[in-house]
Amino acid sequence: RAQALLRLLQLLCEGHHLSFQNYVREQDSHSCPVNMVALVVDEVLRGVLRSGGELDEPLLRLCTQAFHTLTEFCQGPCPQNQAALLACDVCGVANVVFLGSCGSGSPSQAVFELRSAAVVTLLSLLEGCNDRARTSLMIQTIRFDLLRETLDQVWAARCLGRGGPRGTRQELLPAANLSLSCSLSP
């Protein structure tokens, strides 16, 4: 049910619906407002990842959906939701996702999808961003060694797999851009 609710929130924000993007963060007319942006990070992602141990397929899908939802909360862009996610340390949560499956050989498809969703969410934090403080905070928080390893695995899975390149140009371009940015980062 949680995954379906997250999907509903994602779809309500789809198409850069700024009014609803702001509403999920602040409900001015409600007597007991709920910041859904913080709730998704703190209760869903942190709650699941804090449980320790290996995540089974349903939990991996739930976390992947949470990242998809967070991405839609930000795209458009919605600067207030981008700032809210940084305040919730979503970059630190992404580090946990990257760390959780690094060094274990080739990740499963579900782990690959989770890590990919985390990367897209990080990219959504930069959409339309002119705030140097925000980008500096991201640079200080993101573990680029883990991100680079993730991108290497993406590249290996999509491009260097059996039979040559398997990804389309549209699928591979973000990985190539992120890989280049990791090479240039501190």
N, C-alpha and C. Protein backbone atom coordinates (compact mmCIF):
# COMPACT_ATOMS: atom_id res chain seq x y z
N ARG A 1 0.81 -1.19 0.00
CA ARG A 1 0.00 0.00 0.00
C ARG A 1 0.85 1.26 0.00
N ALA A 2 1.96 1.21 0.72
CA ALA A 2 2.84 2.38 0.76
C ALA A 2 3.38 2.69 -0.62
N GLN A 3 3.74 1.66 -1.37
CA GLN A 3 4.26 1.86 -2.71
C GLN A 3 3.19 2.48 -3.61
N ALA A 4 1.96 2.04 -3.49
CA ALA A 4 0.87 2.61 -4.29
C ALA A 4 0.62 4.07 -3.92
N LEU A 5 0.70 4.40 -2.65
CA LEU A 5 0.52 5.79 -2.21
C LEU A 5 1.65 6.67 -2.75
N LEU A 6 2.87 6.17 -2.70
CA LEU A 6 4.00 6.92 -3.25
C LEU A 6 3.82 7.14 -4.76
N ARG A 7 3.34 6.12 -5.44
CA ARG A 7 3.09 6.24 -6.88
C ARG A 7 2.01 7.29 -7.15
N LEU A 8 0.97 7.31 -6.34
CA LEU A 8 -0.09 8.32 -6.50
C LEU A 8 0.48 9.73 -6.32
N LEU A 9 1.29 9.92 -5.28
CA LEU A 9 1.91 11.23 -5.06
C LEU A 9 2.81 11.61 -6.23
N GLN A 10 3.54 10.63 -6.76
CA GLN A 10 4.39 10.88 -7.93
C GLN A 10 3.54 11.36 -9.10
N LEU A 11 2.46 10.66 -9.37
CA LEU A 11 1.62 11.00 -10.52
C LEU A 11 0.93 12.35 -10.34
N LEU A 12 0.58 12.71 -9.12
CA LEU A 12 -0.04 14.01 -8.88
C LEU A 12 0.93 15.16 -9.13
N CYS A 13 2.23 14.90 -8.99
CA CYS A 13 3.25 15.93 -9.23
C CYS A 13 3.77 15.88 -10.66
N GLU A 14 3.43 14.82 -11.38
CA GLU A 14 3.89 14.63 -12.77
C GLU A 14 3.52 15.84 -13.61
N GLY A 15 4.35 16.17 -14.57
CA GLY A 15 4.08 17.30 -15.44
C GLY A 15 4.43 18.62 -14.78
N HIS A 16 5.28 18.56 -13.76
CA HIS A 16 5.76 19.76 -13.07
C HIS A 16 4.61 20.58 -12.51
N HIS A 17 3.70 19.92 -11.82
CA HIS A 17 2.54 20.56 -11.22
C HIS A 17 2.98 21.27 -9.94
N LEU A 18 3.44 22.52 -10.08
CA LEU A 18 4.06 23.27 -8.99
C LEU A 18 3.13 23.44 -7.79
N SER A 19 1.86 23.66 -8.04
CA SER A 19 0.92 23.84 -6.92
C SER A 19 0.88 22.61 -6.04
N PHE A 20 0.80 21.44 -6.66
CA PHE A 20 0.76 20.22 -5.85
C PHE A 20 2.13 19.91 -5.26
N GLN A 21 3.20 20.22 -5.99
CA GLN A 21 4.53 20.02 -5.43
C GLN A 21 4.69 20.82 -4.14
N ASN A 22 4.20 22.04 -4.13
CA ASN A 22 4.26 22.84 -2.91
C ASN A 22 3.31 22.30 -1.84
N TYR A 23 2.16 21.80 -2.27
CA TYR A 23 1.17 21.28 -1.33
C TYR A 23 1.69 20.07 -0.56
N VAL A 24 2.45 19.20 -1.21
CA VAL A 24 2.95 18.01 -0.49
C VAL A 24 3.93 18.40 0.61
N ARG A 25 4.48 19.59 0.52
CA ARG A 25 5.40 20.09 1.54
C ARG A 25 4.68 20.92 2.60
N GLU A 26 3.73 21.75 2.19
CA GLU A 26 3.03 22.66 3.09
C GLU A 26 1.55 22.68 2.75
N GLN A 27 0.71 22.45 3.74
CA GLN A 27 -0.73 22.56 3.57
C GLN A 27 -1.20 23.69 4.48
N ASP A 28 -1.20 24.89 3.96
CA ASP A 28 -1.53 26.08 4.75
C ASP A 28 -2.94 26.03 5.34
N SER A 29 -3.87 25.46 4.62
CA SER A 29 -5.27 25.47 5.07
C SER A 29 -5.61 24.30 5.98
N HIS A 30 -4.66 23.47 6.29
CA HIS A 30 -4.92 22.28 7.09
C HIS A 30 -4.50 22.52 8.54
N SER A 31 -5.28 22.03 9.48
CA SER A 31 -4.97 22.25 10.90
C SER A 31 -3.78 21.42 11.38
N CYS A 32 -3.47 20.34 10.69
CA CYS A 32 -2.35 19.48 11.07
C CYS A 32 -1.54 19.15 9.81
N PRO A 33 -0.74 20.11 9.33
CA PRO A 33 -0.01 19.88 8.08
C PRO A 33 1.06 18.79 8.21
N VAL A 34 1.33 18.12 7.09
CA VAL A 34 2.32 17.06 7.03
C VAL A 34 3.27 17.37 5.89
N ASN A 35 4.55 17.43 6.18
CA ASN A 35 5.56 17.64 5.14
C ASN A 35 5.87 16.28 4.52
N MET A 36 5.19 15.97 3.40
CA MET A 36 5.37 14.67 2.75
C MET A 36 6.76 14.50 2.17
N VAL A 37 7.42 15.60 1.82
CA VAL A 37 8.78 15.52 1.30
C VAL A 37 9.69 14.93 2.37
N ALA A 38 9.65 15.51 3.56
CA ALA A 38 10.48 15.01 4.67
C ALA A 38 10.03 13.62 5.10
N LEU A 39 8.73 13.38 5.09
CA LEU A 39 8.19 12.09 5.51
C LEU A 39 8.70 10.95 4.63
N VAL A 40 8.72 11.16 3.32
CA VAL A 40 9.20 10.12 2.41
C VAL A 40 10.67 9.81 2.69
N VAL A 41 11.48 10.85 2.90
CA VAL A 41 12.90 10.61 3.19
C VAL A 41 13.07 9.95 4.55
N ASP A 42 12.48 10.56 5.58
CA ASP A 42 12.73 10.10 6.95
C ASP A 42 12.08 8.77 7.29
N GLU A 43 10.82 8.63 6.93
CA GLU A 43 10.10 7.42 7.35
C GLU A 43 10.25 6.26 6.37
N VAL A 44 10.18 6.55 5.08
CA VAL A 44 10.25 5.46 4.11
C VAL A 44 11.71 5.06 3.87
N LEU A 45 12.50 5.99 3.32
CA LEU A 45 13.86 5.61 2.95
C LEU A 45 14.73 5.30 4.17
N ARG A 46 14.82 6.24 5.09
CA ARG A 46 15.66 6.00 6.27
C ARG A 46 15.15 4.82 7.09
N GLY A 47 13.84 4.72 7.23
CA GLY A 47 13.26 3.61 7.99
C GLY A 47 13.62 2.26 7.41
N VAL A 48 13.52 2.14 6.11
CA VAL A 48 13.84 0.86 5.46
C VAL A 48 15.35 0.61 5.49
N LEU A 49 16.13 1.62 5.15
CA LEU A 49 17.58 1.42 5.08
C LEU A 49 18.20 1.22 6.45
N ARG A 50 17.59 1.78 7.49
CA ARG A 50 18.09 1.65 8.86
C ARG A 50 17.86 0.24 9.39
N SER A 51 16.94 -0.48 8.79
CA SER A 51 16.62 -1.81 9.29
C SER A 51 17.80 -2.77 9.21
N GLY A 52 18.78 -2.45 8.38
CA GLY A 52 19.99 -3.28 8.27
C GLY A 52 19.73 -4.54 7.49
N GLY A 53 20.81 -5.22 7.17
CA GLY A 53 20.69 -6.47 6.44
C GLY A 53 20.32 -6.26 4.98
N GLU A 54 20.14 -7.37 4.30
CA GLU A 54 19.77 -7.33 2.89
C GLU A 54 18.31 -6.94 2.73
N LEU A 55 18.05 -6.11 1.75
CA LEU A 55 16.68 -5.73 1.45
C LEU A 55 16.10 -6.73 0.47
N ASP A 56 14.90 -7.19 0.75
CA ASP A 56 14.26 -8.11 -0.19
C ASP A 56 13.64 -7.31 -1.33
N GLU A 57 13.14 -8.02 -2.34
CA GLU A 57 12.61 -7.37 -3.54
C GLU A 57 11.50 -6.36 -3.24
N PRO A 58 10.52 -6.68 -2.38
CA PRO A 58 9.48 -5.68 -2.11
C PRO A 58 10.03 -4.39 -1.48
N LEU A 59 10.99 -4.51 -0.57
CA LEU A 59 11.57 -3.31 0.04
C LEU A 59 12.42 -2.53 -0.95
N LEU A 60 13.12 -3.23 -1.83
CA LEU A 60 13.88 -2.55 -2.88
C LEU A 60 12.95 -1.77 -3.80
N ARG A 61 11.82 -2.38 -4.16
CA ARG A 61 10.84 -1.69 -5.01
C ARG A 61 10.23 -0.49 -4.30
N LEU A 62 9.97 -0.63 -2.99
CA LEU A 62 9.43 0.49 -2.21
C LEU A 62 10.41 1.66 -2.19
N CYS A 63 11.68 1.38 -1.94
CA CYS A 63 12.69 2.44 -1.92
C CYS A 63 12.86 3.06 -3.31
N THR A 64 12.83 2.25 -4.34
CA THR A 64 12.93 2.76 -5.70
C THR A 64 11.77 3.71 -6.00
N GLN A 65 10.56 3.30 -5.62
CA GLN A 65 9.39 4.16 -5.82
C GLN A 65 9.52 5.44 -5.01
N ALA A 66 10.08 5.37 -3.81
CA ALA A 66 10.27 6.57 -2.99
C ALA A 66 11.19 7.56 -3.71
N PHE A 67 12.27 7.06 -4.31
CA PHE A 67 13.16 7.95 -5.05
C PHE A 67 12.46 8.54 -6.28
N HIS A 68 11.66 7.73 -6.98
CA HIS A 68 10.90 8.25 -8.14
C HIS A 68 9.96 9.38 -7.69
N THR A 69 9.31 9.17 -6.56
CA THR A 69 8.39 10.18 -6.03
C THR A 69 9.13 11.45 -5.66
N LEU A 70 10.27 11.31 -4.98
CA LEU A 70 11.07 12.48 -4.61
C LEU A 70 11.53 13.25 -5.85
N THR A 71 11.87 12.52 -6.90
CA THR A 71 12.28 13.18 -8.15
C THR A 71 11.16 14.05 -8.68
N GLU A 72 9.93 13.53 -8.70
CA GLU A 72 8.80 14.32 -9.19
C GLU A 72 8.47 15.48 -8.26
N PHE A 73 8.74 15.33 -6.98
CA PHE A 73 8.54 16.45 -6.05
C PHE A 73 9.43 17.63 -6.43
N CYS A 74 10.57 17.37 -7.08
CA CYS A 74 11.57 18.42 -7.37
C CYS A 74 11.55 18.94 -8.79
N GLN A 75 11.18 18.09 -9.74
CA GLN A 75 11.33 18.49 -11.14
C GLN A 75 10.38 19.61 -11.50
N GLY A 76 10.85 20.45 -12.36
CA GLY A 76 10.04 21.57 -12.83
C GLY A 76 10.84 22.83 -13.04
N PRO A 77 11.65 23.27 -12.16
CA PRO A 77 11.97 22.76 -10.82
C PRO A 77 11.05 23.33 -9.75
N CYS A 78 11.11 22.72 -8.58
CA CYS A 78 10.44 23.22 -7.38
C CYS A 78 11.54 23.49 -6.35
N PRO A 79 12.09 24.71 -6.35
CA PRO A 79 13.24 25.02 -5.49
C PRO A 79 12.99 24.75 -4.00
N GLN A 80 11.78 24.98 -3.53
CA GLN A 80 11.50 24.74 -2.11
C GLN A 80 11.60 23.26 -1.76
N ASN A 81 11.13 22.39 -2.64
CA ASN A 81 11.25 20.95 -2.39
C ASN A 81 12.69 20.49 -2.55
N GLN A 82 13.42 21.08 -3.49
CA GLN A 82 14.84 20.76 -3.61
C GLN A 82 15.55 21.10 -2.30
N ALA A 83 15.29 22.29 -1.76
CA ALA A 83 15.91 22.71 -0.50
C ALA A 83 15.46 21.80 0.65
N ALA A 84 14.19 21.42 0.66
CA ALA A 84 13.67 20.53 1.72
C ALA A 84 14.37 19.18 1.68
N LEU A 85 14.61 18.65 0.49
CA LEU A 85 15.30 17.36 0.38
C LEU A 85 16.74 17.46 0.86
N LEU A 86 17.39 18.55 0.54
CA LEU A 86 18.76 18.71 1.03
C LEU A 86 18.76 18.85 2.55
N ALA A 87 17.78 19.55 3.10
CA ALA A 87 17.69 19.69 4.56
C ALA A 87 17.45 18.33 5.23
N CYS A 88 16.80 17.41 4.52
CA CYS A 88 16.57 16.05 5.04
C CYS A 88 17.75 15.12 4.79
N ASP A 89 18.80 15.64 4.19
CA ASP A 89 20.01 14.88 3.87
C ASP A 89 19.74 13.71 2.93
N VAL A 90 19.01 13.99 1.85
CA VAL A 90 18.76 12.95 0.86
C VAL A 90 20.06 12.48 0.20
N CYS A 91 21.06 13.36 0.15
CA CYS A 91 22.37 12.95 -0.40
C CYS A 91 23.00 11.87 0.48
N GLY A 92 22.87 12.01 1.78
CA GLY A 92 23.37 10.99 2.70
C GLY A 92 22.64 9.67 2.54
N VAL A 93 21.34 9.75 2.30
CA VAL A 93 20.55 8.54 2.06
C VAL A 93 21.01 7.87 0.76
N ALA A 94 21.27 8.69 -0.27
CA ALA A 94 21.77 8.13 -1.54
C ALA A 94 23.12 7.45 -1.32
N ASN A 95 23.97 8.02 -0.48
CA ASN A 95 25.25 7.39 -0.17
C ASN A 95 25.04 6.00 0.43
N VAL A 96 24.05 5.87 1.32
CA VAL A 96 23.75 4.57 1.92
C VAL A 96 23.32 3.58 0.84
N VAL A 97 22.52 4.05 -0.11
CA VAL A 97 22.08 3.18 -1.21
C VAL A 97 23.29 2.74 -2.04
N PHE A 98 24.17 3.68 -2.36
CA PHE A 98 25.35 3.34 -3.16
C PHE A 98 26.28 2.40 -2.39
N LEU A 99 26.47 2.66 -1.12
CA LEU A 99 27.36 1.86 -0.29
C LEU A 99 26.81 0.46 -0.07
N GLY A 100 25.49 0.38 0.08
CA GLY A 100 24.86 -0.90 0.40
C GLY A 100 25.06 -1.98 -0.62
N SER A 101 25.36 -1.61 -1.85
CA SER A 101 25.51 -2.66 -2.86
C SER A 101 26.84 -2.57 -3.59
N CYS A 102 27.73 -1.71 -3.12
CA CYS A 102 29.05 -1.62 -3.76
C CYS A 102 29.91 -2.80 -3.33
N GLY A 103 30.78 -3.19 -4.21
CA GLY A 103 31.74 -4.22 -3.89
C GLY A 103 31.17 -5.62 -3.85
N SER A 104 29.93 -5.80 -4.19
CA SER A 104 29.33 -7.13 -4.12
C SER A 104 29.19 -7.74 -5.52
N GLY A 105 30.08 -7.34 -6.42
CA GLY A 105 29.98 -7.86 -7.77
C GLY A 105 28.90 -7.14 -8.54
N SER A 106 28.29 -7.85 -9.44
CA SER A 106 27.23 -7.26 -10.26
C SER A 106 25.94 -7.21 -9.45
N PRO A 107 25.35 -6.02 -9.31
CA PRO A 107 24.12 -5.92 -8.51
C PRO A 107 22.93 -6.55 -9.22
N SER A 108 21.95 -6.96 -8.42
CA SER A 108 20.72 -7.50 -9.00
C SER A 108 20.00 -6.38 -9.76
N GLN A 109 19.04 -6.76 -10.57
CA GLN A 109 18.27 -5.77 -11.33
C GLN A 109 17.56 -4.81 -10.39
N ALA A 110 17.01 -5.30 -9.28
CA ALA A 110 16.29 -4.44 -8.34
C ALA A 110 17.24 -3.44 -7.67
N VAL A 111 18.44 -3.88 -7.32
CA VAL A 111 19.44 -2.98 -6.73
C VAL A 111 19.88 -1.95 -7.77
N PHE A 112 20.08 -2.41 -9.00
CA PHE A 112 20.45 -1.51 -10.09
C PHE A 112 19.39 -0.42 -10.27
N GLU A 113 18.11 -0.80 -10.26
CA GLU A 113 17.02 0.17 -10.42
C GLU A 113 16.97 1.14 -9.25
N LEU A 114 17.22 0.66 -8.03
CA LEU A 114 17.23 1.53 -6.86
C LEU A 114 18.36 2.55 -6.98
N ARG A 115 19.53 2.09 -7.33
CA ARG A 115 20.67 2.99 -7.44
C ARG A 115 20.45 3.99 -8.57
N SER A 116 19.88 3.55 -9.67
CA SER A 116 19.58 4.45 -10.79
C SER A 116 18.58 5.52 -10.36
N ALA A 117 17.55 5.12 -9.62
CA ALA A 117 16.55 6.08 -9.15
C ALA A 117 17.18 7.10 -8.20
N ALA A 118 18.11 6.65 -7.38
CA ALA A 118 18.81 7.58 -6.47
C ALA A 118 19.62 8.60 -7.26
N VAL A 119 20.29 8.17 -8.32
CA VAL A 119 21.07 9.08 -9.16
C VAL A 119 20.16 10.12 -9.80
N VAL A 120 19.01 9.70 -10.32
CA VAL A 120 18.08 10.63 -10.97
C VAL A 120 17.55 11.64 -9.94
N THR A 121 17.28 11.20 -8.73
CA THR A 121 16.84 12.13 -7.69
C THR A 121 17.93 13.16 -7.41
N LEU A 122 19.19 12.73 -7.33
CA LEU A 122 20.27 13.69 -7.12
C LEU A 122 20.33 14.70 -8.26
N LEU A 123 20.15 14.23 -9.48
CA LEU A 123 20.13 15.15 -10.62
C LEU A 123 18.97 16.14 -10.53
N SER A 124 17.82 15.68 -10.03
CA SER A 124 16.66 16.57 -9.93
C SER A 124 16.90 17.70 -8.93
N LEU A 125 17.80 17.49 -8.00
CA LEU A 125 18.14 18.55 -7.03
C LEU A 125 18.89 19.70 -7.70
N LEU A 126 19.48 19.43 -8.85
CA LEU A 126 20.26 20.45 -9.55
C LEU A 126 19.48 21.13 -10.67
N GLU A 127 18.29 20.63 -10.98
CA GLU A 127 17.51 21.20 -12.08
C GLU A 127 17.16 22.66 -11.79
N GLY A 128 17.59 23.54 -12.67
CA GLY A 128 17.31 24.96 -12.52
C GLY A 128 18.00 25.62 -11.35
N CYS A 129 18.98 24.96 -10.78
CA CYS A 129 19.62 25.45 -9.55
C CYS A 129 20.69 26.49 -9.87
N ASN A 130 20.54 27.66 -9.29
CA ASN A 130 21.56 28.71 -9.39
C ASN A 130 22.17 29.00 -8.03
N ASP A 131 21.85 28.20 -7.05
CA ASP A 131 22.27 28.41 -5.67
C ASP A 131 23.60 27.70 -5.43
N ARG A 132 24.67 28.47 -5.31
CA ARG A 132 25.99 27.87 -5.09
C ARG A 132 26.06 27.13 -3.75
N ALA A 133 25.34 27.61 -2.75
CA ALA A 133 25.35 26.93 -1.45
C ALA A 133 24.78 25.52 -1.57
N ARG A 134 23.72 25.38 -2.37
CA ARG A 134 23.10 24.07 -2.56
C ARG A 134 24.06 23.10 -3.25
N THR A 135 24.67 23.57 -4.34
CA THR A 135 25.60 22.68 -5.05
C THR A 135 26.82 22.37 -4.19
N SER A 136 27.28 23.34 -3.42
CA SER A 136 28.42 23.09 -2.53
C SER A 136 28.08 22.04 -1.48
N LEU A 137 26.88 22.15 -0.91
CA LEU A 137 26.44 21.17 0.08
C LEU A 137 26.37 19.77 -0.54
N MET A 138 25.86 19.68 -1.76
CA MET A 138 25.81 18.39 -2.43
C MET A 138 27.20 17.83 -2.66
N ILE A 139 28.12 18.68 -3.11
CA ILE A 139 29.49 18.23 -3.36
C ILE A 139 30.15 17.75 -2.07
N GLN A 140 29.87 18.43 -0.97
CA GLN A 140 30.45 18.04 0.32
C GLN A 140 29.84 16.75 0.86
N THR A 141 28.59 16.47 0.50
CA THR A 141 27.86 15.34 1.09
C THR A 141 27.96 14.06 0.27
N ILE A 142 27.88 14.18 -1.04
CA ILE A 142 27.87 12.99 -1.89
C ILE A 142 29.24 12.32 -1.87
N ARG A 143 29.23 11.02 -1.69
CA ARG A 143 30.46 10.23 -1.76
C ARG A 143 30.70 9.90 -3.23
N PHE A 144 31.53 10.70 -3.87
CA PHE A 144 31.75 10.54 -5.30
C PHE A 144 32.45 9.23 -5.64
N ASP A 145 33.20 8.67 -4.71
CA ASP A 145 33.81 7.37 -4.97
C ASP A 145 32.72 6.30 -5.13
N LEU A 146 31.68 6.38 -4.29
CA LEU A 146 30.57 5.43 -4.40
C LEU A 146 29.74 5.69 -5.65
N LEU A 147 29.52 6.97 -5.95
CA LEU A 147 28.77 7.32 -7.16
C LEU A 147 29.52 6.85 -8.40
N ARG A 148 30.83 7.03 -8.40
CA ARG A 148 31.65 6.60 -9.54
C ARG A 148 31.55 5.08 -9.71
N GLU A 149 31.61 4.34 -8.59
CA GLU A 149 31.50 2.89 -8.67
C GLU A 149 30.12 2.48 -9.21
N THR A 150 29.09 3.19 -8.77
CA THR A 150 27.75 2.93 -9.28
C THR A 150 27.70 3.15 -10.78
N LEU A 151 28.25 4.26 -11.23
CA LEU A 151 28.23 4.57 -12.66
C LEU A 151 29.07 3.58 -13.46
N ASP A 152 30.18 3.12 -12.89
CA ASP A 152 30.97 2.09 -13.57
C ASP A 152 30.15 0.82 -13.75
N GLN A 153 29.38 0.47 -12.72
CA GLN A 153 28.55 -0.73 -12.83
C GLN A 153 27.42 -0.52 -13.84
N VAL A 154 26.85 0.70 -13.86
CA VAL A 154 25.82 1.01 -14.86
C VAL A 154 26.42 0.87 -16.25
N TRP A 155 27.59 1.48 -16.43
CA TRP A 155 28.25 1.45 -17.73
C TRP A 155 28.55 0.01 -18.15
N ALA A 156 29.08 -0.77 -17.22
CA ALA A 156 29.40 -2.17 -17.53
C ALA A 156 28.15 -2.96 -17.88
N ALA A 157 27.08 -2.73 -17.13
CA ALA A 157 25.85 -3.49 -17.37
C ALA A 157 25.18 -3.08 -18.68
N ARG A 158 25.19 -1.79 -18.98
CA ARG A 158 24.47 -1.29 -20.15
C ARG A 158 25.31 -1.29 -21.42
N CYS A 159 26.60 -1.03 -21.30
CA CYS A 159 27.41 -0.82 -22.50
C CYS A 159 28.35 -1.97 -22.80
N LEU A 160 28.92 -2.53 -21.76
CA LEU A 160 29.96 -3.53 -21.99
C LEU A 160 29.46 -4.94 -21.80
N GLY A 161 28.16 -5.08 -21.72
CA GLY A 161 27.56 -6.41 -21.56
C GLY A 161 27.81 -7.26 -22.79
N ARG A 162 27.44 -8.49 -22.67
CA ARG A 162 27.61 -9.42 -23.79
C ARG A 162 27.00 -8.87 -25.06
N GLY A 163 27.74 -8.94 -26.13
CA GLY A 163 27.22 -8.52 -27.42
C GLY A 163 27.37 -7.03 -27.68
N GLY A 164 28.14 -6.33 -26.87
CA GLY A 164 28.37 -4.90 -27.12
C GLY A 164 27.35 -4.03 -26.43
N PRO A 165 27.29 -2.78 -26.82
CA PRO A 165 26.39 -1.83 -26.15
C PRO A 165 24.94 -2.30 -26.19
N ARG A 166 24.27 -2.19 -25.01
CA ARG A 166 22.89 -2.61 -24.92
C ARG A 166 21.95 -1.46 -24.63
N GLY A 167 22.45 -0.37 -24.14
CA GLY A 167 21.59 0.76 -23.82
C GLY A 167 21.43 1.67 -25.02
N THR A 168 20.34 2.40 -25.02
CA THR A 168 20.13 3.38 -26.06
C THR A 168 20.94 4.63 -25.72
N ARG A 169 21.11 5.50 -26.68
CA ARG A 169 21.83 6.74 -26.44
C ARG A 169 21.17 7.53 -25.31
N GLN A 170 19.84 7.56 -25.29
CA GLN A 170 19.11 8.30 -24.27
C GLN A 170 19.37 7.70 -22.88
N GLU A 171 19.49 6.38 -22.77
CA GLU A 171 19.76 5.74 -21.49
C GLU A 171 21.20 5.96 -21.04
N LEU A 172 22.12 6.00 -21.99
CA LEU A 172 23.54 6.04 -21.64
C LEU A 172 24.08 7.45 -21.44
N LEU A 173 23.45 8.46 -22.02
CA LEU A 173 23.94 9.81 -21.90
C LEU A 173 24.00 10.30 -20.46
N PRO A 174 22.96 10.10 -19.63
CA PRO A 174 23.08 10.55 -18.23
C PRO A 174 24.23 9.87 -17.49
N ALA A 175 24.43 8.58 -17.74
CA ALA A 175 25.53 7.87 -17.09
C ALA A 175 26.88 8.44 -17.53
N ALA A 176 27.00 8.75 -18.82
CA ALA A 176 28.25 9.33 -19.32
C ALA A 176 28.47 10.71 -18.72
N ASN A 177 27.43 11.53 -18.65
CA ASN A 177 27.56 12.87 -18.06
C ASN A 177 27.92 12.80 -16.59
N LEU A 178 27.26 11.91 -15.85
CA LEU A 178 27.58 11.77 -14.43
C LEU A 178 28.99 11.25 -14.24
N SER A 179 29.39 10.31 -15.08
CA SER A 179 30.74 9.77 -14.98
C SER A 179 31.78 10.86 -15.20
N LEU A 180 31.53 11.72 -16.19
CA LEU A 180 32.43 12.83 -16.44
C LEU A 180 32.46 13.79 -15.26
N SER A 181 31.30 14.09 -14.68
CA SER A 181 31.26 15.01 -13.53
C SER A 181 31.97 14.41 -12.34
N CYS A 182 31.89 13.10 -12.16
CA CYS A 182 32.62 12.45 -11.05
C CYS A 182 34.12 12.56 -11.28
N SER A 183 34.55 12.50 -12.52
CA SER A 183 35.98 12.61 -12.83
C SER A 183 36.49 14.01 -12.50
N LEU A 184 35.63 15.00 -12.64
CA LEU A 184 36.03 16.38 -12.40
C LEU A 184 35.85 16.81 -10.96
N SER A 185 35.11 16.03 -10.18
CA SER A 185 34.82 16.43 -8.80
C SER A 185 36.01 16.17 -7.90
N PRO A 186 35.98 16.78 -6.68
CA PRO A 186 37.09 16.59 -5.74
C PRO A 186 37.24 15.17 -5.30
